[in-house]
Amino acid sequence: MDDDRQPSADFVRELRDLFPTPAIPADREQHILEAARTHLTTRTRPPAYRWSRLGAAAALLVMACSVFWWTTPPTVARDGDIDRNGRVDIADAYRLALSLKHGTRPRVGDLTDDGRVDEADVQAIINTAVRLKRGG
């Protein structure tokens, strides 16, 4: 196979004999042939390369969000809202007591500032939950 991609003169002559009247004007044909040569000689990146760059960017974004999620300290520990429903109630104390009973030490819940999450923290949540507001 020839590397120059030019048809042989015999082939061109036989084609012209088969189709004596061109379907398009000669100048148009020449323009189309030049455009085809330019297209065939121009290297383009396949679309898969563009998608792989987009996928790499998405993966980097997911990794950055994961790092942020795992390194940001929780905001629940100070106020005793263990279940994050917006209020401190007896359910928070119950949930903390259950986790202590089953041996799963939560990352949050040290309300007594003694460096441990224990029954004293459960009692602190209970005291907060049943505290009555004055003056009302």
C-alpha atoms as a PDB file:
ATOM      1  CA  MET A   1       0.000   0.000   0.000  1.00  0.00           C
ATOM      2  CA  ASP A   2       1.358   3.428  -0.916  1.00  0.00           C
ATOM      3  CA  ASP A   3       1.987   5.863   1.892  1.00  0.00           C
ATOM      4  CA  ASP A   4       1.216   8.945  -0.199  1.00  0.00           C
ATOM      5  CA  ARG A   5      -2.434   7.858  -0.565  1.00  0.00           C
ATOM      6  CA  GLN A   6      -2.668   8.932  -4.208  1.00  0.00           C
ATOM      7  CA  PRO A   7      -4.705   6.803  -6.607  1.00  0.00           C
ATOM      8  CA  SER A   8      -2.908   5.486  -9.654  1.00  0.00           C
ATOM      9  CA  ALA A   9      -3.379   7.213 -12.997  1.00  0.00           C
ATOM     10  CA  ASP A  10      -5.032   4.085 -14.455  1.00  0.00           C
ATOM     11  CA  PHE A  11      -7.533   4.019 -11.622  1.00  0.00           C
ATOM     12  CA  VAL A  12      -8.404   7.684 -12.118  1.00  0.00           C
ATOM     13  CA  ARG A  13      -8.785   7.192 -15.894  1.00  0.00           C
ATOM     14  CA  GLU A  14     -11.053   4.180 -15.397  1.00  0.00           C
ATOM     15  CA  LEU A  15     -13.207   6.109 -12.963  1.00  0.00           C
ATOM     16  CA  ARG A  16     -13.509   9.010 -15.381  1.00  0.00           C
ATOM     17  CA  ASP A  17     -14.478   6.562 -18.121  1.00  0.00           C
ATOM     18  CA  LEU A  18     -17.183   5.120 -15.882  1.00  0.00           C
ATOM     19  CA  PHE A  19     -18.502   8.561 -14.942  1.00  0.00           C
ATOM     20  CA  PRO A  20     -17.848  10.822 -17.914  1.00  0.00           C
ATOM     21  CA  THR A  21     -19.917  13.733 -16.665  1.00  0.00           C
ATOM     22  CA  PRO A  22     -18.855  14.948 -13.207  1.00  0.00           C
ATOM     23  CA  ALA A  23     -21.717  15.462 -10.784  1.00  0.00           C
ATOM     24  CA  ILE A  24     -20.091  18.600  -9.411  1.00  0.00           C
ATOM     25  CA  PRO A  25     -18.050  21.380 -11.043  1.00  0.00           C
ATOM     26  CA  ALA A  26     -14.290  20.843 -11.230  1.00  0.00           C
ATOM     27  CA  ASP A  27     -13.415  23.756  -8.925  1.00  0.00           C
ATOM     28  CA  ARG A  28     -15.769  22.395  -6.292  1.00  0.00           C
ATOM     29  CA  GLU A  29     -14.290  18.954  -6.662  1.00  0.00           C
ATOM     30  CA  GLN A  30     -10.814  20.379  -6.176  1.00  0.00           C
ATOM     31  CA  HIS A  31     -11.940  22.259  -3.058  1.00  0.00           C
ATOM     32  CA  ILE A  32     -13.490  19.081  -1.608  1.00  0.00           C
ATOM     33  CA  LEU A  33     -10.338  17.075  -2.345  1.00  0.00           C
ATOM     34  CA  GLU A  34      -8.152  19.683  -0.652  1.00  0.00           C
ATOM     35  CA  ALA A  35     -10.434  19.729   2.385  1.00  0.00           C
ATOM     36  CA  ALA A  36     -10.330  15.925   2.547  1.00  0.00           C
ATOM     37  CA  ARG A  37      -6.519  15.904   2.337  1.00  0.00           C
ATOM     38  CA  THR A  38      -6.295  18.496   5.098  1.00  0.00           C
ATOM     39  CA  HIS A  39      -8.697  16.525   7.259  1.00  0.00           C
ATOM     40  CA  LEU A  40      -6.859  13.247   6.724  1.00  0.00           C
ATOM     41  CA  THR A  41      -3.448  14.719   7.476  1.00  0.00           C
ATOM     42  CA  THR A  42      -4.532  16.676  10.581  1.00  0.00           C
ATOM     43  CA  ARG A  43      -4.186  14.734  13.808  1.00  0.00           C
ATOM     44  CA  THR A  44      -6.896  15.242  16.358  1.00  0.00           C
ATOM     45  CA  ARG A  45      -7.201  13.831  19.831  1.00  0.00           C
ATOM     46  CA  PRO A  46      -9.931  11.248  20.189  1.00  0.00           C
ATOM     47  CA  PRO A  47     -13.004  12.253  22.220  1.00  0.00           C
ATOM     48  CA  ALA A  48     -12.094   9.660  24.866  1.00  0.00           C
ATOM     49  CA  TYR A  49      -9.084  11.789  25.826  1.00  0.00           C
ATOM     50  CA  ARG A  50     -11.352  14.729  26.609  1.00  0.00           C
ATOM     51  CA  TRP A  51     -13.650  12.538  28.705  1.00  0.00           C
ATOM     52  CA  SER A  52     -10.713  11.114  30.619  1.00  0.00           C
ATOM     53  CA  ARG A  53      -9.593  14.649  31.557  1.00  0.00           C
ATOM     54  CA  LEU A  54     -13.114  15.417  32.755  1.00  0.00           C
ATOM     55  CA  GLY A  55     -13.183  12.168  34.756  1.00  0.00           C
ATOM     56  CA  ALA A  56      -9.819  12.987  36.345  1.00  0.00           C
ATOM     57  CA  ALA A  57     -11.090  16.430  37.355  1.00  0.00           C
ATOM     58  CA  ALA A  58     -14.235  14.901  38.880  1.00  0.00           C
ATOM     59  CA  ALA A  59     -12.166  12.338  40.805  1.00  0.00           C
ATOM     60  CA  LEU A  60      -9.922  15.098  42.137  1.00  0.00           C
ATOM     61  CA  LEU A  61     -12.964  17.062  43.293  1.00  0.00           C
ATOM     62  CA  VAL A  62     -14.381  14.003  45.089  1.00  0.00           C
ATOM     63  CA  MET A  63     -11.044  13.387  46.805  1.00  0.00           C
ATOM     64  CA  ALA A  64     -10.798  17.016  47.921  1.00  0.00           C
ATOM     65  CA  CYS A  65     -14.333  16.911  49.345  1.00  0.00           C
ATOM     66  CA  SER A  66     -13.549  13.645  51.140  1.00  0.00           C
ATOM     67  CA  VAL A  67     -10.450  15.122  52.758  1.00  0.00           C
ATOM     68  CA  PHE A  68     -12.442  18.157  53.853  1.00  0.00           C
ATOM     69  CA  TRP A  69     -15.237  15.959  55.240  1.00  0.00           C
ATOM     70  CA  TRP A  70     -12.925  13.737  57.305  1.00  0.00           C
ATOM     71  CA  THR A  71     -10.679  16.515  58.610  1.00  0.00           C
ATOM     72  CA  THR A  72     -13.386  18.980  59.639  1.00  0.00           C
ATOM     73  CA  PRO A  73     -14.168  18.537  63.334  1.00  0.00           C
ATOM     74  CA  PRO A  74     -17.794  17.845  64.177  1.00  0.00           C
ATOM     75  CA  THR A  75     -19.805  20.693  65.662  1.00  0.00           C
ATOM     76  CA  VAL A  76     -22.151  18.575  67.741  1.00  0.00           C
ATOM     77  CA  ALA A  77     -19.969  17.869  70.781  1.00  0.00           C
ATOM     78  CA  ARG A  78     -20.308  21.198  72.536  1.00  0.00           C
ATOM     79  CA  ASP A  79     -24.053  21.509  72.806  1.00  0.00           C
ATOM     80  CA  GLY A  80     -25.090  17.851  73.296  1.00  0.00           C
ATOM     81  CA  ASP A  81     -27.219  17.510  70.160  1.00  0.00           C
ATOM     82  CA  ILE A  82     -26.004  13.986  69.389  1.00  0.00           C
ATOM     83  CA  ASP A  83     -28.624  13.138  66.759  1.00  0.00           C
ATOM     84  CA  ARG A  84     -28.297  16.564  65.059  1.00  0.00           C
ATOM     85  CA  ASN A  85     -31.977  17.371  65.018  1.00  0.00           C
ATOM     86  CA  GLY A  86     -31.464  20.913  66.250  1.00  0.00           C
ATOM     87  CA  ARG A  87     -32.407  20.465  69.906  1.00  0.00           C
ATOM     88  CA  VAL A  88     -30.999  18.760  72.996  1.00  0.00           C
ATOM     89  CA  ASP A  89     -33.518  16.289  74.327  1.00  0.00           C
ATOM     90  CA  ILE A  90     -33.707  12.994  76.160  1.00  0.00           C
ATOM     91  CA  ALA A  91     -33.244  11.114  72.874  1.00  0.00           C
ATOM     92  CA  ASP A  92     -29.695  12.500  72.676  1.00  0.00           C
ATOM     93  CA  ALA A  93     -28.926  11.156  76.149  1.00  0.00           C
ATOM     94  CA  TYR A  94     -30.480   7.794  75.243  1.00  0.00           C
ATOM     95  CA  ARG A  95     -28.458   7.524  72.025  1.00  0.00           C
ATOM     96  CA  LEU A  96     -25.214   8.356  73.838  1.00  0.00           C
ATOM     97  CA  ALA A  97     -26.026   5.886  76.649  1.00  0.00           C
ATOM     98  CA  LEU A  98     -26.710   3.126  74.110  1.00  0.00           C
ATOM     99  CA  SER A  99     -23.448   3.736  72.297  1.00  0.00           C
ATOM    100  CA  LEU A 100     -21.573   3.585  75.597  1.00  0.00           C
ATOM    101  CA  LYS A 101     -23.390   0.382  76.590  1.00  0.00           C
ATOM    102  CA  HIS A 102     -22.459  -1.311  73.298  1.00  0.00           C
ATOM    103  CA  GLY A 103     -18.856  -0.204  73.549  1.00  0.00           C
ATOM    104  CA  THR A 104     -18.878   2.122  70.554  1.00  0.00           C
ATOM    105  CA  ARG A 105     -17.270   5.317  71.748  1.00  0.00           C
ATOM    106  CA  PRO A 106     -18.590   8.232  69.734  1.00  0.00           C
ATOM    107  CA  ARG A 107     -16.238  10.910  68.432  1.00  0.00           C
ATOM    108  CA  VAL A 108     -18.480  13.585  69.928  1.00  0.00           C
ATOM    109  CA  GLY A 109     -20.256  13.996  73.226  1.00  0.00           C
ATOM    110  CA  ASP A 110     -17.638  15.084  75.780  1.00  0.00           C
ATOM    111  CA  LEU A 111     -19.734  17.774  77.450  1.00  0.00           C
ATOM    112  CA  THR A 112     -17.907  17.659  80.797  1.00  0.00           C
ATOM    113  CA  ASP A 113     -14.533  18.487  79.193  1.00  0.00           C
ATOM    114  CA  ASP A 114     -12.765  15.678  81.041  1.00  0.00           C
ATOM    115  CA  GLY A 115     -11.309  14.157  77.867  1.00  0.00           C
ATOM    116  CA  ARG A 116     -13.632  11.140  77.952  1.00  0.00           C
ATOM    117  CA  VAL A 117     -17.120  10.356  76.755  1.00  0.00           C
ATOM    118  CA  ASP A 118     -18.785   8.521  79.647  1.00  0.00           C
ATOM    119  CA  GLU A 119     -21.884   8.393  81.881  1.00  0.00           C
ATOM    120  CA  ALA A 120     -21.160  11.888  83.215  1.00  0.00           C
ATOM    121  CA  ASP A 121     -21.739  13.224  79.706  1.00  0.00           C
ATOM    122  CA  VAL A 122     -25.038  11.343  79.500  1.00  0.00           C
ATOM    123  CA  GLN A 123     -26.063  12.974  82.796  1.00  0.00           C
ATOM    124  CA  ALA A 124     -25.027  16.406  81.468  1.00  0.00           C
ATOM    125  CA  ILE A 125     -27.266  15.918  78.423  1.00  0.00           C
ATOM    126  CA  ILE A 126     -30.158  14.830  80.667  1.00  0.00           C
ATOM    127  CA  ASN A 127     -29.696  17.927  82.828  1.00  0.00           C
ATOM    128  CA  THR A 128     -29.689  20.147  79.726  1.00  0.00           C
ATOM    129  CA  ALA A 129     -32.740  18.408  78.278  1.00  0.00           C
ATOM    130  CA  VAL A 130     -34.936  18.760  81.388  1.00  0.00           C
ATOM    131  CA  ARG A 131     -33.800  22.255  82.390  1.00  0.00           C
ATOM    132  CA  LEU A 132     -36.717  24.646  82.653  1.00  0.00           C
ATOM    133  CA  LYS A 133     -36.512  28.176  81.358  1.00  0.00           C
ATOM    134  CA  ARG A 134     -37.034  30.863  83.976  1.00  0.00           C
ATOM    135  CA  GLY A 135     -39.572  33.643  83.793  1.00  0.00           C
ATOM    136  CA  GLY A 136     -42.074  32.035  81.498  1.00  0.00           C
END
